[in-house]
Amino acid sequence: MDHGSTEWKDGLLEVTLKDLLIGVEQEDPTMGLIFKSDLLSKSSKLSSRLELELELKLELKLQLKVELKLKLELKLKLELELKPKL
């Protein structure tokens, strides 16, 4: 068996699939086994982080739109005040 993932059988290369429900032995013996539940928790943490990042970006975008609108309104008001009355 080559690194626990492939082997030659009857002259053909056979790939063995690892069951993630069972711990998968790592190449580095100092590391523990990886379980599917570990992968899912990391995935959910990443998903939560991405959702938070997206929310922050949307909030910033809305805040910038409000600031721009206020600046444009102020500019228009100043222009109207400075415009000579006929």
PDB file of N, CA and C in Angstrom:
ATOM      1  N   MET A   1       0.858  -1.180   0.000  1.00  0.00           N
ATOM      2  CA  MET A   1       0.000   0.000   0.000  1.00  0.00           C
ATOM      3  C   MET A   1       0.895   1.231   0.000  1.00  0.00           C
ATOM      4  N   ASP A   2       0.586   2.221  -0.809  1.00  0.00           N
ATOM      5  CA  ASP A   2       1.380   3.435  -0.952  1.00  0.00           C
ATOM      6  C   ASP A   2       0.737   4.566  -0.160  1.00  0.00           C
ATOM      7  N   HIS A   3       1.322   4.939   0.977  1.00  0.00           N
ATOM      8  CA  HIS A   3       0.807   6.010   1.841  1.00  0.00           C
ATOM      9  C   HIS A   3      -0.632   5.756   2.283  1.00  0.00           C
ATOM     10  N   GLY A   4      -1.077   4.536   2.281  1.00  0.00           N
ATOM     11  CA  GLY A   4      -2.412   4.209   2.773  1.00  0.00           C
ATOM     12  C   GLY A   4      -3.543   4.655   1.879  1.00  0.00           C
ATOM     13  N   SER A   5      -3.262   5.049   0.633  1.00  0.00           N
ATOM     14  CA  SER A   5      -4.352   5.537  -0.200  1.00  0.00           C
ATOM     15  C   SER A   5      -4.460   4.816  -1.544  1.00  0.00           C
ATOM     16  N   THR A   6      -3.366   4.262  -2.037  1.00  0.00           N
ATOM     17  CA  THR A   6      -3.426   3.577  -3.336  1.00  0.00           C
ATOM     18  C   THR A   6      -2.678   2.250  -3.241  1.00  0.00           C
ATOM     19  N   GLU A   7      -3.042   1.331  -4.078  1.00  0.00           N
ATOM     20  CA  GLU A   7      -2.290   0.077  -4.166  1.00  0.00           C
ATOM     21  C   GLU A   7      -2.531  -0.537  -5.542  1.00  0.00           C
ATOM     22  N   TRP A   8      -1.554  -1.342  -5.963  1.00  0.00           N
ATOM     23  CA  TRP A   8      -1.693  -2.034  -7.233  1.00  0.00           C
ATOM     24  C   TRP A   8      -2.364  -3.374  -6.974  1.00  0.00           C
ATOM     25  N   LYS A   9      -3.419  -3.634  -7.720  1.00  0.00           N
ATOM     26  CA  LYS A   9      -4.126  -4.906  -7.559  1.00  0.00           C
ATOM     27  C   LYS A   9      -4.464  -5.414  -8.955  1.00  0.00           C
ATOM     28  N   ASP A  10      -4.043  -6.617  -9.255  1.00  0.00           N
ATOM     29  CA  ASP A  10      -4.274  -7.223 -10.573  1.00  0.00           C
ATOM     30  C   ASP A  10      -3.782  -6.310 -11.689  1.00  0.00           C
ATOM     31  N   GLY A  11      -2.663  -5.635 -11.463  1.00  0.00           N
ATOM     32  CA  GLY A  11      -2.090  -4.780 -12.495  1.00  0.00           C
ATOM     33  C   GLY A  11      -2.791  -3.442 -12.655  1.00  0.00           C
ATOM     34  N   LEU A  12      -3.812  -3.177 -11.850  1.00  0.00           N
ATOM     35  CA  LEU A  12      -4.534  -1.910 -11.937  1.00  0.00           C
ATOM     36  C   LEU A  12      -4.319  -1.114 -10.660  1.00  0.00           C
ATOM     37  N   LEU A  13      -4.299   0.179 -10.807  1.00  0.00           N
ATOM     38  CA  LEU A  13      -4.158   1.040  -9.641  1.00  0.00           C
ATOM     39  C   LEU A  13      -5.510   1.161  -8.959  1.00  0.00           C
ATOM     40  N   GLU A  14      -5.562   0.788  -7.693  1.00  0.00           N
ATOM     41  CA  GLU A  14      -6.819   0.852  -6.956  1.00  0.00           C
ATOM     42  C   GLU A  14      -6.706   1.942  -5.895  1.00  0.00           C
ATOM     43  N   VAL A  15      -7.693   2.807  -5.848  1.00  0.00           N
ATOM     44  CA  VAL A  15      -7.712   3.881  -4.864  1.00  0.00           C
ATOM     45  C   VAL A  15      -8.677   3.488  -3.761  1.00  0.00           C
ATOM     46  N   THR A  16      -8.208   3.543  -2.541  1.00  0.00           N
ATOM     47  CA  THR A  16      -9.091   3.229  -1.424  1.00  0.00           C
ATOM     48  C   THR A  16      -9.617   4.523  -0.831  1.00  0.00           C
ATOM     49  N   LEU A  17     -10.905   4.559  -0.588  1.00  0.00           N
ATOM     50  CA  LEU A  17     -11.528   5.742  -0.001  1.00  0.00           C
ATOM     51  C   LEU A  17     -11.500   5.622   1.510  1.00  0.00           C
ATOM     52  N   LYS A  18     -11.219   6.732   2.166  1.00  0.00           N
ATOM     53  CA  LYS A  18     -11.164   6.729   3.618  1.00  0.00           C
ATOM     54  C   LYS A  18     -12.517   7.136   4.168  1.00  0.00           C
ATOM     55  N   ASP A  19     -12.967   6.431   5.175  1.00  0.00           N
ATOM     56  CA  ASP A  19     -14.242   6.729   5.820  1.00  0.00           C
ATOM     57  C   ASP A  19     -14.004   7.798   6.875  1.00  0.00           C
ATOM     58  N   LEU A  20     -14.610   8.976   6.695  1.00  0.00           N
ATOM     59  CA  LEU A  20     -14.385  10.075   7.623  1.00  0.00           C
ATOM     60  C   LEU A  20     -15.122   9.896   8.941  1.00  0.00           C
ATOM     61  N   LEU A  21     -16.022   8.916   9.011  1.00  0.00           N
ATOM     62  CA  LEU A  21     -16.682   8.648  10.281  1.00  0.00           C
ATOM     63  C   LEU A  21     -15.732   7.926  11.234  1.00  0.00           C
ATOM     64  N   ILE A  22     -14.765   7.254  10.650  1.00  0.00           N
ATOM     65  CA  ILE A  22     -13.736   6.581  11.434  1.00  0.00           C
ATOM     66  C   ILE A  22     -12.528   7.507  11.402  1.00  0.00           C
ATOM     67  N   GLY A  23     -11.773   7.554  12.449  1.00  0.00           N
ATOM     68  CA  GLY A  23     -10.591   8.422  12.462  1.00  0.00           C
ATOM     69  C   GLY A  23      -9.646   8.055  11.336  1.00  0.00           C
ATOM     70  N   VAL A  24      -9.096   9.043  10.667  1.00  0.00           N
ATOM     71  CA  VAL A  24      -8.165   8.819   9.573  1.00  0.00           C
ATOM     72  C   VAL A  24      -6.758   9.045  10.115  1.00  0.00           C
ATOM     73  N   GLU A  25      -5.919   8.040   9.984  1.00  0.00           N
ATOM     74  CA  GLU A  25      -4.561   8.158  10.486  1.00  0.00           C
ATOM     75  C   GLU A  25      -3.799   9.166   9.631  1.00  0.00           C
ATOM     76  N   GLN A  26      -3.073  10.027  10.282  1.00  0.00           N
ATOM     77  CA  GLN A  26      -2.330  11.072   9.586  1.00  0.00           C
ATOM     78  C   GLN A  26      -0.908  10.600   9.300  1.00  0.00           C
ATOM     79  N   GLU A  27      -0.274  11.259   8.313  1.00  0.00           N
ATOM     80  CA  GLU A  27       1.110  10.923   8.001  1.00  0.00           C
ATOM     81  C   GLU A  27       2.026  11.291   9.163  1.00  0.00           C
ATOM     82  N   ASP A  28       1.700  12.361   9.861  1.00  0.00           N
ATOM     83  CA  ASP A  28       2.496  12.793  11.004  1.00  0.00           C
ATOM     84  C   ASP A  28       1.967  12.080  12.249  1.00  0.00           C
ATOM     85  N   PRO A  29       2.728  11.160  12.813  1.00  0.00           N
ATOM     86  CA  PRO A  29       2.231  10.389  13.960  1.00  0.00           C
ATOM     87  C   PRO A  29       2.000  11.237  15.213  1.00  0.00           C
ATOM     88  N   THR A  30       2.549  12.451  15.259  1.00  0.00           N
ATOM     89  CA  THR A  30       2.341  13.305  16.432  1.00  0.00           C
ATOM     90  C   THR A  30       0.980  13.981  16.405  1.00  0.00           C
ATOM     91  N   MET A  31       0.322  13.960  15.249  1.00  0.00           N
ATOM     92  CA  MET A  31      -1.007  14.574  15.136  1.00  0.00           C
ATOM     93  C   MET A  31      -2.075  13.528  15.433  1.00  0.00           C
ATOM     94  N   GLY A  32      -3.181  13.982  15.973  1.00  0.00           N
ATOM     95  CA  GLY A  32      -4.283  13.075  16.270  1.00  0.00           C
ATOM     96  C   GLY A  32      -5.076  12.731  15.025  1.00  0.00           C
ATOM     97  N   LEU A  33      -6.079  11.907  15.216  1.00  0.00           N
ATOM     98  CA  LEU A  33      -6.944  11.510  14.115  1.00  0.00           C
ATOM     99  C   LEU A  33      -7.896  12.642  13.747  1.00  0.00           C
ATOM    100  N   ILE A  34      -8.291  12.681  12.485  1.00  0.00           N
ATOM    101  CA  ILE A  34      -9.267  13.664  12.019  1.00  0.00           C
ATOM    102  C   ILE A  34     -10.606  12.952  11.893  1.00  0.00           C
ATOM    103  N   PHE A  35     -11.634  13.516  12.508  1.00  0.00           N
ATOM    104  CA  PHE A  35     -12.979  12.967  12.424  1.00  0.00           C
ATOM    105  C   PHE A  35     -13.866  13.915  11.634  1.00  0.00           C
ATOM    106  N   LYS A  36     -14.902  13.360  11.045  1.00  0.00           N
ATOM    107  CA  LYS A  36     -15.833  14.165  10.261  1.00  0.00           C
ATOM    108  C   LYS A  36     -16.419  15.292  11.111  1.00  0.00           C
ATOM    109  N   SER A  37     -16.696  15.021  12.373  1.00  0.00           N
ATOM    110  CA  SER A  37     -17.259  16.054  13.251  1.00  0.00           C
ATOM    111  C   SER A  37     -16.285  17.214  13.416  1.00  0.00           C
ATOM    112  N   ASP A  38     -14.979  16.941  13.432  1.00  0.00           N
ATOM    113  CA  ASP A  38     -13.979  18.010  13.508  1.00  0.00           C
ATOM    114  C   ASP A  38     -14.040  18.879  12.261  1.00  0.00           C
ATOM    115  N   LEU A  39     -14.171  18.231  11.119  1.00  0.00           N
ATOM    116  CA  LEU A  39     -14.235  18.976   9.860  1.00  0.00           C
ATOM    117  C   LEU A  39     -15.481  19.840   9.813  1.00  0.00           C
ATOM    118  N   LEU A  40     -16.605  19.316  10.296  1.00  0.00           N
ATOM    119  CA  LEU A  40     -17.854  20.069  10.277  1.00  0.00           C
ATOM    120  C   LEU A  40     -17.780  21.277  11.192  1.00  0.00           C
ATOM    121  N   SER A  41     -17.171  21.128  12.370  1.00  0.00           N
ATOM    122  CA  SER A  41     -17.089  22.264  13.288  1.00  0.00           C
ATOM    123  C   SER A  41     -16.203  23.355  12.707  1.00  0.00           C
ATOM    124  N   LYS A  42     -15.111  22.978  12.042  1.00  0.00           N
ATOM    125  CA  LYS A  42     -14.247  23.968  11.399  1.00  0.00           C
ATOM    126  C   LYS A  42     -15.001  24.653  10.270  1.00  0.00           C
ATOM    127  N   SER A  43     -15.783  23.877   9.537  1.00  0.00           N
ATOM    128  CA  SER A  43     -16.565  24.424   8.431  1.00  0.00           C
ATOM    129  C   SER A  43     -17.601  25.419   8.937  1.00  0.00           C
ATOM    130  N   SER A  44     -18.257  25.088  10.050  1.00  0.00           N
ATOM    131  CA  SER A  44     -19.277  25.995  10.583  1.00  0.00           C
ATOM    132  C   SER A  44     -18.640  27.263  11.135  1.00  0.00           C
ATOM    133  N   LYS A  45     -17.455  27.145  11.730  1.00  0.00           N
ATOM    134  CA  LYS A  45     -16.748  28.338  12.211  1.00  0.00           C
ATOM    135  C   LYS A  45     -16.384  29.240  11.038  1.00  0.00           C
ATOM    136  N   LEU A  46     -15.905  28.640   9.958  1.00  0.00           N
ATOM    137  CA  LEU A  46     -15.545  29.410   8.774  1.00  0.00           C
ATOM    138  C   LEU A  46     -16.779  30.069   8.185  1.00  0.00           C
ATOM    139  N   SER A  47     -17.874  29.323   8.132  1.00  0.00           N
ATOM    140  CA  SER A  47     -19.123  29.858   7.605  1.00  0.00           C
ATOM    141  C   SER A  47     -19.603  31.035   8.445  1.00  0.00           C
ATOM    142  N   SER A  48     -19.534  30.901   9.768  1.00  0.00           N
ATOM    143  CA  SER A  48     -19.951  31.988  10.660  1.00  0.00           C
ATOM    144  C   SER A  48     -19.072  33.212  10.459  1.00  0.00           C
ATOM    145  N   ARG A  49     -17.788  32.984  10.298  1.00  0.00           N
ATOM    146  CA  ARG A  49     -16.853  34.094  10.087  1.00  0.00           C
ATOM    147  C   ARG A  49     -17.150  34.810   8.769  1.00  0.00           C
ATOM    148  N   LEU A  50     -17.430  34.034   7.733  1.00  0.00           N
ATOM    149  CA  LEU A  50     -17.744  34.625   6.435  1.00  0.00           C
ATOM    150  C   LEU A  50     -19.055  35.404   6.485  1.00  0.00           C
ATOM    151  N   GLU A  51     -20.044  34.865   7.202  1.00  0.00           N
ATOM    152  CA  GLU A  51     -21.319  35.568   7.347  1.00  0.00           C
ATOM    153  C   GLU A  51     -21.126  36.888   8.079  1.00  0.00           C
ATOM    154  N   LEU A  52     -20.331  36.880   9.143  1.00  0.00           N
ATOM    155  CA  LEU A  52     -20.060  38.096   9.906  1.00  0.00           C
ATOM    156  C   LEU A  52     -19.335  39.115   9.035  1.00  0.00           C
ATOM    157  N   GLU A  53     -18.370  38.644   8.266  1.00  0.00           N
ATOM    158  CA  GLU A  53     -17.624  39.530   7.377  1.00  0.00           C
ATOM    159  C   GLU A  53     -18.559  40.155   6.338  1.00  0.00           C
ATOM    160  N   LEU A  54     -19.460  39.365   5.794  1.00  0.00           N
ATOM    161  CA  LEU A  54     -20.418  39.862   4.816  1.00  0.00           C
ATOM    162  C   LEU A  54     -21.344  40.901   5.444  1.00  0.00           C
ATOM    163  N   GLU A  55     -21.824  40.618   6.660  1.00  0.00           N
ATOM    164  CA  GLU A  55     -22.688  41.572   7.365  1.00  0.00           C
ATOM    165  C   GLU A  55     -21.967  42.895   7.594  1.00  0.00           C
ATOM    166  N   LEU A  56     -20.700  42.820   8.005  1.00  0.00           N
ATOM    167  CA  LEU A  56     -19.928  44.037   8.252  1.00  0.00           C
ATOM    168  C   LEU A  56     -19.731  44.836   6.964  1.00  0.00           C
ATOM    169  N   LYS A  57     -19.472  44.140   5.871  1.00  0.00           N
ATOM    170  CA  LYS A  57     -19.301  44.826   4.589  1.00  0.00           C
ATOM    171  C   LYS A  57     -20.597  45.506   4.160  1.00  0.00           C
ATOM    172  N   LEU A  58     -21.720  44.818   4.336  1.00  0.00           N
ATOM    173  CA  LEU A  58     -23.011  45.405   3.978  1.00  0.00           C
ATOM    174  C   LEU A  58     -23.320  46.618   4.850  1.00  0.00           C
ATOM    175  N   GLU A  59     -23.023  46.498   6.134  1.00  0.00           N
ATOM    176  CA  GLU A  59     -23.258  47.609   7.057  1.00  0.00           C
ATOM    177  C   GLU A  59     -22.401  48.814   6.673  1.00  0.00           C
ATOM    178  N   LEU A  60     -21.145  48.570   6.333  1.00  0.00           N
ATOM    179  CA  LEU A  60     -20.252  49.647   5.915  1.00  0.00           C
ATOM    180  C   LEU A  60     -20.758  50.291   4.628  1.00  0.00           C
ATOM    181  N   LYS A  61     -21.211  49.471   3.697  1.00  0.00           N
ATOM    182  CA  LYS A  61     -21.729  49.981   2.430  1.00  0.00           C
ATOM    183  C   LYS A  61     -22.950  50.872   2.666  1.00  0.00           C
ATOM    184  N   LEU A  62     -23.856  50.438   3.530  1.00  0.00           N
ATOM    185  CA  LEU A  62     -25.038  51.245   3.847  1.00  0.00           C
ATOM    186  C   LEU A  62     -24.640  52.554   4.522  1.00  0.00           C
ATOM    187  N   GLN A  63     -23.687  52.470   5.429  1.00  0.00           N
ATOM    188  CA  GLN A  63     -23.219  53.664   6.130  1.00  0.00           C
ATOM    189  C   GLN A  63     -22.604  54.655   5.141  1.00  0.00           C
ATOM    190  N   LEU A  64     -21.826  54.159   4.194  1.00  0.00           N
ATOM    191  CA  LEU A  64     -21.216  55.032   3.191  1.00  0.00           C
ATOM    192  C   LEU A  64     -22.274  55.677   2.299  1.00  0.00           C
ATOM    193  N   LYS A  65     -23.314  54.917   1.962  1.00  0.00           N
ATOM    194  CA  LYS A  65     -24.401  55.477   1.154  1.00  0.00           C
ATOM    195  C   LYS A  65     -25.107  56.602   1.899  1.00  0.00           C
ATOM    196  N   VAL A  66     -25.356  56.403   3.190  1.00  0.00           N
ATOM    197  CA  VAL A  66     -26.018  57.431   4.000  1.00  0.00           C
ATOM    198  C   VAL A  66     -25.141  58.678   4.072  1.00  0.00           C
ATOM    199  N   GLU A  67     -23.841  58.491   4.314  1.00  0.00           N
ATOM    200  CA  GLU A  67     -22.926  59.627   4.385  1.00  0.00           C
ATOM    201  C   GLU A  67     -22.891  60.379   3.058  1.00  0.00           C
ATOM    202  N   LEU A  68     -22.846  59.664   1.962  1.00  0.00           N
ATOM    203  CA  LEU A  68     -22.820  60.298   0.648  1.00  0.00           C
ATOM    204  C   LEU A  68     -24.098  61.091   0.411  1.00  0.00           C
ATOM    205  N   LYS A  69     -25.218  60.512   0.766  1.00  0.00           N
ATOM    206  CA  LYS A  69     -26.501  61.194   0.599  1.00  0.00           C
ATOM    207  C   LYS A  69     -26.535  62.476   1.425  1.00  0.00           C
ATOM    208  N   LEU A  70     -26.067  62.414   2.667  1.00  0.00           N
ATOM    209  CA  LEU A  70     -26.042  63.607   3.522  1.00  0.00           C
ATOM    210  C   LEU A  70     -25.114  64.680   2.957  1.00  0.00           C
ATOM    211  N   LYS A  71     -23.972  64.274   2.449  1.00  0.00           N
ATOM    212  CA  LYS A  71     -23.031  65.237   1.856  1.00  0.00           C
ATOM    213  C   LYS A  71     -23.642  65.900   0.628  1.00  0.00           C
ATOM    214  N   LEU A  72     -24.315  65.114  -0.209  1.00  0.00           N
ATOM    215  CA  LEU A  72     -24.945  65.677  -1.403  1.00  0.00           C
ATOM    216  C   LEU A  72     -26.059  66.652  -1.029  1.00  0.00           C
ATOM    217  N   GLU A  73     -26.834  66.305  -0.013  1.00  0.00           N
ATOM    218  CA  GLU A  73     -27.904  67.199   0.441  1.00  0.00           C
ATOM    219  C   GLU A  73     -27.326  68.497   0.995  1.00  0.00           C
ATOM    220  N   LEU A  74     -26.249  68.390   1.760  1.00  0.00           N
ATOM    221  CA  LEU A  74     -25.600  69.579   2.317  1.00  0.00           C
ATOM    222  C   LEU A  74     -25.032  70.449   1.202  1.00  0.00           C
ATOM    223  N   LYS A  75     -24.410  69.829   0.224  1.00  0.00           N
ATOM    224  CA  LYS A  75     -23.842  70.568  -0.902  1.00  0.00           C
ATOM    225  C   LYS A  75     -24.947  71.303  -1.658  1.00  0.00           C
ATOM    226  N   LEU A  76     -26.046  70.632  -1.915  1.00  0.00           N
ATOM    227  CA  LEU A  76     -27.173  71.243  -2.619  1.00  0.00           C
ATOM    228  C   LEU A  76     -27.730  72.418  -1.817  1.00  0.00           C
ATOM    229  N   LYS A  77     -27.853  72.241  -0.530  1.00  0.00           N
ATOM    230  CA  LYS A  77     -28.366  73.300   0.340  1.00  0.00           C
ATOM    231  C   LYS A  77     -27.438  74.514   0.312  1.00  0.00           C
ATOM    232  N   LEU A  78     -26.130  74.270   0.383  1.00  0.00           N
ATOM    233  CA  LEU A  78     -25.160  75.372   0.333  1.00  0.00           C
ATOM    234  C   LEU A  78     -25.211  76.087  -1.016  1.00  0.00           C
ATOM    235  N   GLU A  79     -25.333  75.340  -2.077  1.00  0.00           N
ATOM    236  CA  GLU A  79     -25.417  75.947  -3.409  1.00  0.00           C
ATOM    237  C   GLU A  79     -26.662  76.817  -3.527  1.00  0.00           C
ATOM    238  N   LEU A  80     -27.769  76.342  -2.974  1.00  0.00           N
ATOM    239  CA  LEU A  80     -29.006  77.123  -3.026  1.00  0.00           C
ATOM    240  C   LEU A  80     -28.884  78.398  -2.196  1.00  0.00           C
ATOM    241  N   GLU A  81     -28.200  78.334  -1.073  1.00  0.00           N
ATOM    242  CA  GLU A  81     -28.024  79.511  -0.225  1.00  0.00           C
ATOM    243  C   GLU A  81     -27.081  80.520  -0.860  1.00  0.00           C
ATOM    244  N   LEU A  82     -26.067  80.032  -1.557  1.00  0.00           N
ATOM    245  CA  LEU A  82     -25.080  80.921  -2.164  1.00  0.00           C
ATOM    246  C   LEU A  82     -25.529  81.469  -3.514  1.00  0.00           C
ATOM    247  N   LYS A  83     -26.496  80.846  -4.106  1.00  0.00           N
ATOM    248  CA  LYS A  83     -26.990  81.265  -5.412  1.00  0.00           C
ATOM    249  C   LYS A  83     -27.621  82.655  -5.274  1.00  0.00           C
ATOM    250  N   PRO A  84     -27.209  83.589  -6.121  1.00  0.00           N
ATOM    251  CA  PRO A  84     -27.772  84.943  -6.023  1.00  0.00           C
ATOM    252  C   PRO A  84     -29.269  84.934  -6.332  1.00  0.00           C
ATOM    253  N   LYS A  85     -29.966  85.675  -5.525  1.00  0.00           N
ATOM    254  CA  LYS A  85     -31.415  85.750  -5.713  1.00  0.00           C
ATOM    255  C   LYS A  85     -31.717  86.763  -6.802  1.00  0.00           C
ATOM    256  N   LEU A  86     -32.576  86.385  -7.696  1.00  0.00           N
ATOM    257  CA  LEU A  86     -32.939  87.277  -8.803  1.00  0.00           C
ATOM    258  C   LEU A  86     -34.199  88.010  -8.535  1.00  0.00           C
TER     259      LEU A  86
END
